[in-house]
Amino acid sequence: MWTIACRPILAVWEITLACTLKCAHCGSRAGTRRVGELTTAECLDVVAQLARMGVREVALIGGEAFLRGDWIEIINAVRGPRNGLQHADGWSRSHRAENPKGG
């Protein structure tokens, strides 16, 4: 008899609803930050929980994830050497600044 462990390998995490755009196609109704969004400490705890669950990749989305003042701290926790997680956040801020036309 085979035992198969079921666990998520990818987590898509909407870390904020804050957004400066009003895209008609936006499925999250982003714009204004939610009341009661997680604190930095709570986000770091979620990262630790995801790692313990065996999640291997985390996609941070929003609204606009970069509008959180602590987004770098969250990404650094996701990328941390202790947890084995990777992040998938699309274009990095530095790449977009250096290549505004997407090059």
C-alpha atoms as a PDB file:
ATOM      1  CA  MET A   1       0.000   0.000   0.000  1.00  0.00           C
ATOM      2  CA  TRP A   2       1.318   3.420  -0.996  1.00  0.00           C
ATOM      3  CA  THR A   3       0.918   6.513   1.153  1.00  0.00           C
ATOM      4  CA  ILE A   4       0.883   9.796  -0.716  1.00  0.00           C
ATOM      5  CA  ALA A   5       1.364  12.975   1.282  1.00  0.00           C
ATOM      6  CA  CYS A   6      -0.730  15.844  -0.006  1.00  0.00           C
ATOM      7  CA  ARG A   7       0.640  19.304   0.543  1.00  0.00           C
ATOM      8  CA  PRO A   8       0.682  22.528  -1.410  1.00  0.00           C
ATOM      9  CA  ILE A   9       3.855  23.283  -3.348  1.00  0.00           C
ATOM     10  CA  LEU A  10       2.853  26.798  -4.476  1.00  0.00           C
ATOM     11  CA  ALA A  11       1.226  29.563  -2.448  1.00  0.00           C
ATOM     12  CA  VAL A  12      -0.197  32.645  -4.150  1.00  0.00           C
ATOM     13  CA  TRP A  13      -0.409  35.254  -1.409  1.00  0.00           C
ATOM     14  CA  GLU A  14      -2.204  38.568  -1.818  1.00  0.00           C
ATOM     15  CA  ILE A  15      -0.243  40.558   0.780  1.00  0.00           C
ATOM     16  CA  THR A  16      -2.163  43.805   0.269  1.00  0.00           C
ATOM     17  CA  LEU A  17      -5.061  45.290  -1.638  1.00  0.00           C
ATOM     18  CA  ALA A  18      -3.290  48.666  -1.832  1.00  0.00           C
ATOM     19  CA  CYS A  19      -2.860  49.756  -5.447  1.00  0.00           C
ATOM     20  CA  THR A  20      -2.467  53.046  -7.295  1.00  0.00           C
ATOM     21  CA  LEU A  21      -4.200  51.736 -10.425  1.00  0.00           C
ATOM     22  CA  LYS A  22      -7.857  51.026 -11.143  1.00  0.00           C
ATOM     23  CA  CYS A  23      -7.635  48.237 -13.718  1.00  0.00           C
ATOM     24  CA  ALA A  24     -11.029  47.075 -14.973  1.00  0.00           C
ATOM     25  CA  HIS A  25      -9.772  43.491 -15.237  1.00  0.00           C
ATOM     26  CA  CYS A  26      -8.513  43.304 -11.640  1.00  0.00           C
ATOM     27  CA  GLY A  27     -10.035  40.307  -9.908  1.00  0.00           C
ATOM     28  CA  SER A  28      -9.030  41.370  -6.404  1.00  0.00           C
ATOM     29  CA  ARG A  29     -10.810  44.730  -6.450  1.00  0.00           C
ATOM     30  CA  ALA A  30      -7.522  46.324  -5.424  1.00  0.00           C
ATOM     31  CA  GLY A  31      -7.223  49.996  -4.603  1.00  0.00           C
ATOM     32  CA  THR A  32      -7.531  50.626  -0.900  1.00  0.00           C
ATOM     33  CA  ARG A  33      -5.526  48.728   1.691  1.00  0.00           C
ATOM     34  CA  ARG A  34      -7.722  46.288   3.656  1.00  0.00           C
ATOM     35  CA  VAL A  35      -8.602  47.051   7.230  1.00  0.00           C
ATOM     36  CA  GLY A  36      -6.671  44.615   9.400  1.00  0.00           C
ATOM     37  CA  GLU A  37      -4.001  43.572   6.892  1.00  0.00           C
ATOM     38  CA  LEU A  38      -1.355  41.380   8.468  1.00  0.00           C
ATOM     39  CA  THR A  39       1.457  43.051  10.369  1.00  0.00           C
ATOM     40  CA  THR A  40       5.072  42.390   9.443  1.00  0.00           C
ATOM     41  CA  ALA A  41       5.402  39.929  12.330  1.00  0.00           C
ATOM     42  CA  GLU A  42       2.264  38.093  11.213  1.00  0.00           C
ATOM     43  CA  CYS A  43       3.558  37.923   7.619  1.00  0.00           C
ATOM     44  CA  LEU A  44       6.883  36.503   8.794  1.00  0.00           C
ATOM     45  CA  ASP A  45       4.973  33.907  10.804  1.00  0.00           C
ATOM     46  CA  VAL A  46       2.999  32.958   7.671  1.00  0.00           C
ATOM     47  CA  VAL A  47       6.300  32.504   5.793  1.00  0.00           C
ATOM     48  CA  ALA A  48       7.532  30.165   8.545  1.00  0.00           C
ATOM     49  CA  GLN A  49       4.251  28.220   8.448  1.00  0.00           C
ATOM     50  CA  LEU A  50       4.465  27.847   4.655  1.00  0.00           C
ATOM     51  CA  ALA A  51       7.995  26.495   4.967  1.00  0.00           C
ATOM     52  CA  ARG A  52       6.930  23.982   7.630  1.00  0.00           C
ATOM     53  CA  MET A  53       4.094  22.828   5.357  1.00  0.00           C
ATOM     54  CA  GLY A  54       6.578  22.082   2.596  1.00  0.00           C
ATOM     55  CA  VAL A  55       5.557  24.881   0.228  1.00  0.00           C
ATOM     56  CA  ARG A  56       8.367  25.389  -2.280  1.00  0.00           C
ATOM     57  CA  GLU A  57       7.319  28.574  -4.075  1.00  0.00           C
ATOM     58  CA  VAL A  58       5.472  31.717  -2.994  1.00  0.00           C
ATOM     59  CA  ALA A  59       4.011  34.264  -5.410  1.00  0.00           C
ATOM     60  CA  LEU A  60       3.464  37.609  -3.694  1.00  0.00           C
ATOM     61  CA  ILE A  61       0.683  39.593  -5.318  1.00  0.00           C
ATOM     62  CA  GLY A  62      -1.660  42.433  -4.429  1.00  0.00           C
ATOM     63  CA  GLY A  63      -2.968  45.094  -5.271  1.00  0.00           C
ATOM     64  CA  GLU A  64       0.599  46.185  -5.631  1.00  0.00           C
ATOM     65  CA  ALA A  65       2.842  44.257  -3.269  1.00  0.00           C
ATOM     66  CA  PHE A  66       5.536  46.956  -3.526  1.00  0.00           C
ATOM     67  CA  LEU A  67       3.238  49.415  -1.734  1.00  0.00           C
ATOM     68  CA  ARG A  68       3.769  47.548   1.541  1.00  0.00           C
ATOM     69  CA  GLY A  69       6.609  49.189   3.403  1.00  0.00           C
ATOM     70  CA  ASP A  70       7.829  45.776   4.558  1.00  0.00           C
ATOM     71  CA  TRP A  71       7.724  43.901   1.248  1.00  0.00           C
ATOM     72  CA  ILE A  72      11.519  43.559   1.131  1.00  0.00           C
ATOM     73  CA  GLU A  73      11.539  42.017   4.600  1.00  0.00           C
ATOM     74  CA  ILE A  74       8.822  39.557   3.552  1.00  0.00           C
ATOM     75  CA  ILE A  75      10.685  38.585   0.367  1.00  0.00           C
ATOM     76  CA  ASN A  76      13.940  38.187   2.300  1.00  0.00           C
ATOM     77  CA  ALA A  77      12.134  35.844   4.699  1.00  0.00           C
ATOM     78  CA  VAL A  78      10.711  33.853   1.780  1.00  0.00           C
ATOM     79  CA  ARG A  79      14.160  33.628   0.205  1.00  0.00           C
ATOM     80  CA  GLY A  80      15.849  32.861   3.530  1.00  0.00           C
ATOM     81  CA  PRO A  81      18.297  29.948   3.605  1.00  0.00           C
ATOM     82  CA  ARG A  82      16.516  28.168   6.446  1.00  0.00           C
ATOM     83  CA  ASN A  83      13.180  27.580   4.780  1.00  0.00           C
ATOM     84  CA  GLY A  84      13.889  26.444   1.210  1.00  0.00           C
ATOM     85  CA  LEU A  85      11.153  28.657  -0.257  1.00  0.00           C
ATOM     86  CA  GLN A  86      11.511  30.620  -3.473  1.00  0.00           C
ATOM     87  CA  HIS A  87       9.582  33.693  -4.504  1.00  0.00           C
ATOM     88  CA  ALA A  88       7.966  34.461  -7.819  1.00  0.00           C
ATOM     89  CA  ASP A  89       7.259  38.161  -7.894  1.00  0.00           C
ATOM     90  CA  GLY A  90       7.526  38.959 -11.576  1.00  0.00           C
ATOM     91  CA  TRP A  91       9.744  41.917 -12.431  1.00  0.00           C
ATOM     92  CA  SER A  92      11.970  43.164  -9.660  1.00  0.00           C
ATOM     93  CA  ARG A  93      11.821  46.843  -8.837  1.00  0.00           C
ATOM     94  CA  SER A  94      15.482  47.326  -9.871  1.00  0.00           C
ATOM     95  CA  HIS A  95      14.922  45.595 -13.229  1.00  0.00           C
ATOM     96  CA  ARG A  96      11.904  47.765 -13.962  1.00  0.00           C
ATOM     97  CA  ALA A  97      13.846  50.917 -13.053  1.00  0.00           C
ATOM     98  CA  GLU A  98      16.768  49.941 -15.312  1.00  0.00           C
ATOM     99  CA  ASN A  99      14.579  48.669 -18.145  1.00  0.00           C
ATOM    100  CA  PRO A 100      11.331  50.654 -18.125  1.00  0.00           C
ATOM    101  CA  LYS A 101      10.265  49.227 -21.502  1.00  0.00           C
ATOM    102  CA  GLY A 102      10.577  45.652 -20.284  1.00  0.00           C
ATOM    103  CA  GLY A 103      13.941  44.804 -21.837  1.00  0.00           C
END
